[in-house]
Amino acid sequence: MNLSSYRQELLTRRNSQRGFTLIEIMVVVVILGILVAFAVPNILDNPEQARMTKVKHDLRTIEQALDMYRMDNFRYPTTDQGLEALVERPASPPEPRNWKPYMRSLPKDPWGGEYQYLAPDDAGGRVRVYTLGADGRPGGEGENAEISNHDID
């Protein structure tokens, strides 16, 4: 290989390995800034909507686990046995015949509280799973309102 062809090869390699120019990088930064300017306010302005989405998902998941419990054991857990019957075998009567774990753990509501449960005989024919809301007390409005599986259908 002669010296001129070697130089030509080096120049070709150098040109093919060039990085981005400052203008190209600035254009990308501006585009990312515009996307963030539109996306972040939409995410940060809707924490209540995010909490409501979590509650709906949790209530549906718990209700499905309760339905599986009923299919295996021919009844829902009693109100006294509670939602814990989905995670641990109930020791109080009526003891389930075909119990197995239906959930690994019980989720907490978005405010860190426990989900509440009423068996069908206490809730008019359908299980009732609900959260007491942000204040953890019955009743209330807005974020403090009770939200149940009956409300999300």
C-alpha atoms as a PDB file:
ATOM      1  CA  MET A   1       0.000   0.000   0.000  1.00  0.00           C
ATOM      2  CA  ASN A   2       1.510   3.340  -1.021  1.00  0.00           C
ATOM      3  CA  LEU A   3       1.454   6.501   1.056  1.00  0.00           C
ATOM      4  CA  SER A   4      -1.222   8.364  -0.938  1.00  0.00           C
ATOM      5  CA  SER A   5      -3.702   5.479  -0.834  1.00  0.00           C
ATOM      6  CA  TYR A   6      -3.071   5.131   2.923  1.00  0.00           C
ATOM      7  CA  ARG A   7      -3.851   8.845   3.431  1.00  0.00           C
ATOM      8  CA  GLN A   8      -6.959   8.518   1.320  1.00  0.00           C
ATOM      9  CA  GLU A   9      -8.141   5.561   3.414  1.00  0.00           C
ATOM     10  CA  LEU A  10      -7.537   7.503   6.657  1.00  0.00           C
ATOM     11  CA  LEU A  11      -9.532  10.477   5.352  1.00  0.00           C
ATOM     12  CA  THR A  12     -12.373   8.193   4.290  1.00  0.00           C
ATOM     13  CA  ARG A  13     -12.459   6.556   7.739  1.00  0.00           C
ATOM     14  CA  ARG A  14     -12.341   9.923   9.511  1.00  0.00           C
ATOM     15  CA  ASN A  15     -15.238  11.270   7.427  1.00  0.00           C
ATOM     16  CA  SER A  16     -17.334   8.169   7.994  1.00  0.00           C
ATOM     17  CA  GLN A  17     -16.781   8.320  11.783  1.00  0.00           C
ATOM     18  CA  ARG A  18     -17.785  11.947  12.231  1.00  0.00           C
ATOM     19  CA  GLY A  19     -20.138  12.655  15.132  1.00  0.00           C
ATOM     20  CA  PHE A  20     -23.116  14.942  15.350  1.00  0.00           C
ATOM     21  CA  THR A  21     -22.639  18.640  14.808  1.00  0.00           C
ATOM     22  CA  LEU A  22     -23.492  21.111  17.531  1.00  0.00           C
ATOM     23  CA  ILE A  23     -26.558  22.234  15.574  1.00  0.00           C
ATOM     24  CA  GLU A  24     -27.867  18.672  15.274  1.00  0.00           C
ATOM     25  CA  ILE A  25     -27.460  18.133  19.013  1.00  0.00           C
ATOM     26  CA  MET A  26     -29.208  21.448  19.778  1.00  0.00           C
ATOM     27  CA  VAL A  27     -32.146  20.521  17.526  1.00  0.00           C
ATOM     28  CA  VAL A  28     -32.563  17.224  19.396  1.00  0.00           C
ATOM     29  CA  VAL A  29     -32.392  19.021  22.766  1.00  0.00           C
ATOM     30  CA  VAL A  30     -35.039  21.532  21.663  1.00  0.00           C
ATOM     31  CA  ILE A  31     -37.354  18.741  20.437  1.00  0.00           C
ATOM     32  CA  LEU A  32     -36.935  16.866  23.739  1.00  0.00           C
ATOM     33  CA  GLY A  33     -37.631  20.089  25.643  1.00  0.00           C
ATOM     34  CA  ILE A  34     -40.865  20.626  23.716  1.00  0.00           C
ATOM     35  CA  LEU A  35     -41.986  17.043  24.377  1.00  0.00           C
ATOM     36  CA  VAL A  36     -41.231  17.364  28.096  1.00  0.00           C
ATOM     37  CA  ALA A  37     -43.037  20.714  28.260  1.00  0.00           C
ATOM     38  CA  PHE A  38     -46.214  19.053  27.012  1.00  0.00           C
ATOM     39  CA  ALA A  39     -45.911  15.686  28.781  1.00  0.00           C
ATOM     40  CA  VAL A  40     -44.855  16.626  32.334  1.00  0.00           C
ATOM     41  CA  PRO A  41     -47.791  18.943  33.121  1.00  0.00           C
ATOM     42  CA  ASN A  42     -50.223  16.284  31.896  1.00  0.00           C
ATOM     43  CA  ILE A  43     -48.655  13.718  34.195  1.00  0.00           C
ATOM     44  CA  LEU A  44     -48.216  15.973  37.220  1.00  0.00           C
ATOM     45  CA  ASP A  45     -51.647  17.581  36.963  1.00  0.00           C
ATOM     46  CA  ASN A  46     -53.475  14.259  37.161  1.00  0.00           C
ATOM     47  CA  PRO A  47     -52.388  12.528  40.379  1.00  0.00           C
ATOM     48  CA  GLU A  48     -56.034  12.112  41.351  1.00  0.00           C
ATOM     49  CA  GLN A  49     -56.739  10.381  38.047  1.00  0.00           C
ATOM     50  CA  ALA A  50     -53.720   8.114  38.593  1.00  0.00           C
ATOM     51  CA  ARG A  51     -54.980   7.181  42.069  1.00  0.00           C
ATOM     52  CA  MET A  52     -58.460   6.465  40.702  1.00  0.00           C
ATOM     53  CA  THR A  53     -56.954   4.216  38.019  1.00  0.00           C
ATOM     54  CA  LYS A  54     -55.044   2.283  40.694  1.00  0.00           C
ATOM     55  CA  VAL A  55     -58.188   1.885  42.816  1.00  0.00           C
ATOM     56  CA  LYS A  56     -60.189   0.575  39.841  1.00  0.00           C
ATOM     57  CA  HIS A  57     -57.448  -1.897  38.935  1.00  0.00           C
ATOM     58  CA  ASP A  58     -57.083  -3.100  42.530  1.00  0.00           C
ATOM     59  CA  LEU A  59     -60.833  -3.508  43.019  1.00  0.00           C
ATOM     60  CA  ARG A  60     -61.186  -5.544  39.829  1.00  0.00           C
ATOM     61  CA  THR A  61     -58.212  -7.731  40.759  1.00  0.00           C
ATOM     62  CA  ILE A  62     -59.548  -8.389  44.263  1.00  0.00           C
ATOM     63  CA  GLU A  63     -63.046  -9.114  42.944  1.00  0.00           C
ATOM     64  CA  GLN A  64     -61.624 -11.619  40.427  1.00  0.00           C
ATOM     65  CA  ALA A  65     -59.654 -13.344  43.210  1.00  0.00           C
ATOM     66  CA  LEU A  66     -62.846 -13.505  45.302  1.00  0.00           C
ATOM     67  CA  ASP A  67     -64.712 -15.068  42.366  1.00  0.00           C
ATOM     68  CA  MET A  68     -61.959 -17.707  42.035  1.00  0.00           C
ATOM     69  CA  TYR A  69     -62.228 -18.383  45.774  1.00  0.00           C
ATOM     70  CA  ARG A  70     -65.971 -18.877  45.373  1.00  0.00           C
ATOM     71  CA  MET A  71     -65.527 -21.230  42.401  1.00  0.00           C
ATOM     72  CA  ASP A  72     -63.134 -23.419  44.390  1.00  0.00           C
ATOM     73  CA  ASN A  73     -64.929 -23.293  47.750  1.00  0.00           C
ATOM     74  CA  PHE A  74     -68.597 -22.795  46.749  1.00  0.00           C
ATOM     75  CA  ARG A  75     -68.896 -19.590  48.794  1.00  0.00           C
ATOM     76  CA  TYR A  76     -67.167 -16.280  49.360  1.00  0.00           C
ATOM     77  CA  PRO A  77     -65.147 -15.721  52.511  1.00  0.00           C
ATOM     78  CA  THR A  78     -67.235 -14.355  55.370  1.00  0.00           C
ATOM     79  CA  THR A  79     -66.924 -10.716  56.312  1.00  0.00           C
ATOM     80  CA  ASP A  80     -65.050 -11.797  59.446  1.00  0.00           C
ATOM     81  CA  GLN A  81     -62.577 -13.856  57.395  1.00  0.00           C
ATOM     82  CA  GLY A  82     -62.111 -10.813  55.186  1.00  0.00           C
ATOM     83  CA  LEU A  83     -59.799 -10.313  52.258  1.00  0.00           C
ATOM     84  CA  GLU A  84     -57.019 -12.053  54.183  1.00  0.00           C
ATOM     85  CA  ALA A  85     -58.734 -15.315  53.124  1.00  0.00           C
ATOM     86  CA  LEU A  86     -57.287 -14.673  49.655  1.00  0.00           C
ATOM     87  CA  VAL A  87     -53.724 -14.764  51.011  1.00  0.00           C
ATOM     88  CA  GLU A  88     -53.881 -17.117  54.012  1.00  0.00           C
ATOM     89  CA  ARG A  89     -56.142 -20.087  54.700  1.00  0.00           C
ATOM     90  CA  PRO A  90     -58.936 -18.983  57.044  1.00  0.00           C
ATOM     91  CA  ALA A  91     -58.874 -20.660  60.447  1.00  0.00           C
ATOM     92  CA  SER A  92     -62.392 -19.623  61.429  1.00  0.00           C
ATOM     93  CA  PRO A  93     -65.493 -21.462  60.193  1.00  0.00           C
ATOM     94  CA  PRO A  94     -66.604 -22.133  57.592  1.00  0.00           C
ATOM     95  CA  GLU A  95     -63.222 -23.475  56.605  1.00  0.00           C
ATOM     96  CA  PRO A  96     -62.765 -23.687  52.823  1.00  0.00           C
ATOM     97  CA  ARG A  97     -62.452 -27.203  51.379  1.00  0.00           C
ATOM     98  CA  ASN A  98     -60.336 -26.412  48.347  1.00  0.00           C
ATOM     99  CA  TRP A  99     -58.390 -23.375  49.497  1.00  0.00           C
ATOM    100  CA  LYS A 100     -55.238 -22.212  47.749  1.00  0.00           C
ATOM    101  CA  PRO A 101     -53.548 -18.798  47.692  1.00  0.00           C
ATOM    102  CA  TYR A 102     -55.507 -16.491  45.393  1.00  0.00           C
ATOM    103  CA  MET A 103     -53.208 -13.494  45.758  1.00  0.00           C
ATOM    104  CA  ARG A 104     -49.581 -13.165  46.839  1.00  0.00           C
ATOM    105  CA  SER A 105     -50.404 -10.149  48.972  1.00  0.00           C
ATOM    106  CA  LEU A 106     -53.235  -7.694  49.412  1.00  0.00           C
ATOM    107  CA  PRO A 107     -52.668  -4.336  47.762  1.00  0.00           C
ATOM    108  CA  LYS A 108     -52.946  -1.098  49.711  1.00  0.00           C
ATOM    109  CA  ASP A 109     -55.127   1.688  48.386  1.00  0.00           C
ATOM    110  CA  PRO A 110     -53.298   4.730  46.919  1.00  0.00           C
ATOM    111  CA  TRP A 111     -53.437   6.474  50.306  1.00  0.00           C
ATOM    112  CA  GLY A 112     -51.835   3.557  52.153  1.00  0.00           C
ATOM    113  CA  GLY A 113     -55.058   2.203  53.670  1.00  0.00           C
ATOM    114  CA  GLU A 114     -56.508  -1.293  53.627  1.00  0.00           C
ATOM    115  CA  TYR A 115     -59.271  -2.255  51.221  1.00  0.00           C
ATOM    116  CA  GLN A 116     -62.497  -3.156  53.037  1.00  0.00           C
ATOM    117  CA  TYR A 117     -64.730  -6.168  52.349  1.00  0.00           C
ATOM    118  CA  LEU A 118     -68.352  -7.139  52.906  1.00  0.00           C
ATOM    119  CA  ALA A 119     -69.523 -10.663  52.088  1.00  0.00           C
ATOM    120  CA  PRO A 120     -72.597 -11.017  49.827  1.00  0.00           C
ATOM    121  CA  ASP A 121     -75.020 -11.654  52.680  1.00  0.00           C
ATOM    122  CA  ASP A 122     -73.973  -8.261  54.076  1.00  0.00           C
ATOM    123  CA  ALA A 123     -73.891  -6.496  50.715  1.00  0.00           C
ATOM    124  CA  GLY A 124     -77.128  -7.582  49.045  1.00  0.00           C
ATOM    125  CA  GLY A 125     -76.034 -10.546  46.889  1.00  0.00           C
ATOM    126  CA  ARG A 126     -72.713  -9.269  45.577  1.00  0.00           C
ATOM    127  CA  VAL A 127     -69.378  -8.886  47.319  1.00  0.00           C
ATOM    128  CA  ARG A 128     -68.459  -5.334  48.124  1.00  0.00           C
ATOM    129  CA  VAL A 129     -64.813  -4.333  48.103  1.00  0.00           C
ATOM    130  CA  TYR A 130     -64.070  -0.688  48.770  1.00  0.00           C
ATOM    131  CA  THR A 131     -61.622   1.930  49.950  1.00  0.00           C
ATOM    132  CA  LEU A 132     -62.458   4.649  52.446  1.00  0.00           C
ATOM    133  CA  GLY A 133     -60.543   7.249  50.436  1.00  0.00           C
ATOM    134  CA  ALA A 134     -57.788   9.642  51.438  1.00  0.00           C
ATOM    135  CA  ASP A 135     -59.135  10.422  54.915  1.00  0.00           C
ATOM    136  CA  GLY A 136     -59.715   6.755  55.837  1.00  0.00           C
ATOM    137  CA  ARG A 137     -63.226   7.480  57.140  1.00  0.00           C
ATOM    138  CA  PRO A 138     -66.645   6.483  55.805  1.00  0.00           C
ATOM    139  CA  GLY A 139     -68.387   8.994  53.553  1.00  0.00           C
ATOM    140  CA  GLY A 140     -66.690  12.090  52.245  1.00  0.00           C
ATOM    141  CA  GLU A 141     -66.331  13.799  48.897  1.00  0.00           C
ATOM    142  CA  GLY A 142     -63.646  13.971  46.225  1.00  0.00           C
ATOM    143  CA  GLU A 143     -60.515  12.107  47.311  1.00  0.00           C
ATOM    144  CA  ASN A 144     -62.130  11.416  50.702  1.00  0.00           C
ATOM    145  CA  ALA A 145     -65.084   9.564  49.151  1.00  0.00           C
ATOM    146  CA  GLU A 146     -65.554   5.818  49.431  1.00  0.00           C
ATOM    147  CA  ILE A 147     -64.966   3.999  46.150  1.00  0.00           C
ATOM    148  CA  SER A 148     -66.277   0.451  45.723  1.00  0.00           C
ATOM    149  CA  ASN A 149     -66.370  -2.216  43.066  1.00  0.00           C
ATOM    150  CA  HIS A 150     -70.078  -1.355  42.694  1.00  0.00           C
ATOM    151  CA  ASP A 151     -69.120   2.162  41.560  1.00  0.00           C
ATOM    152  CA  ILE A 152     -66.694   1.194  38.795  1.00  0.00           C
ATOM    153  CA  ASP A 153     -68.838  -1.034  36.576  1.00  0.00           C
END
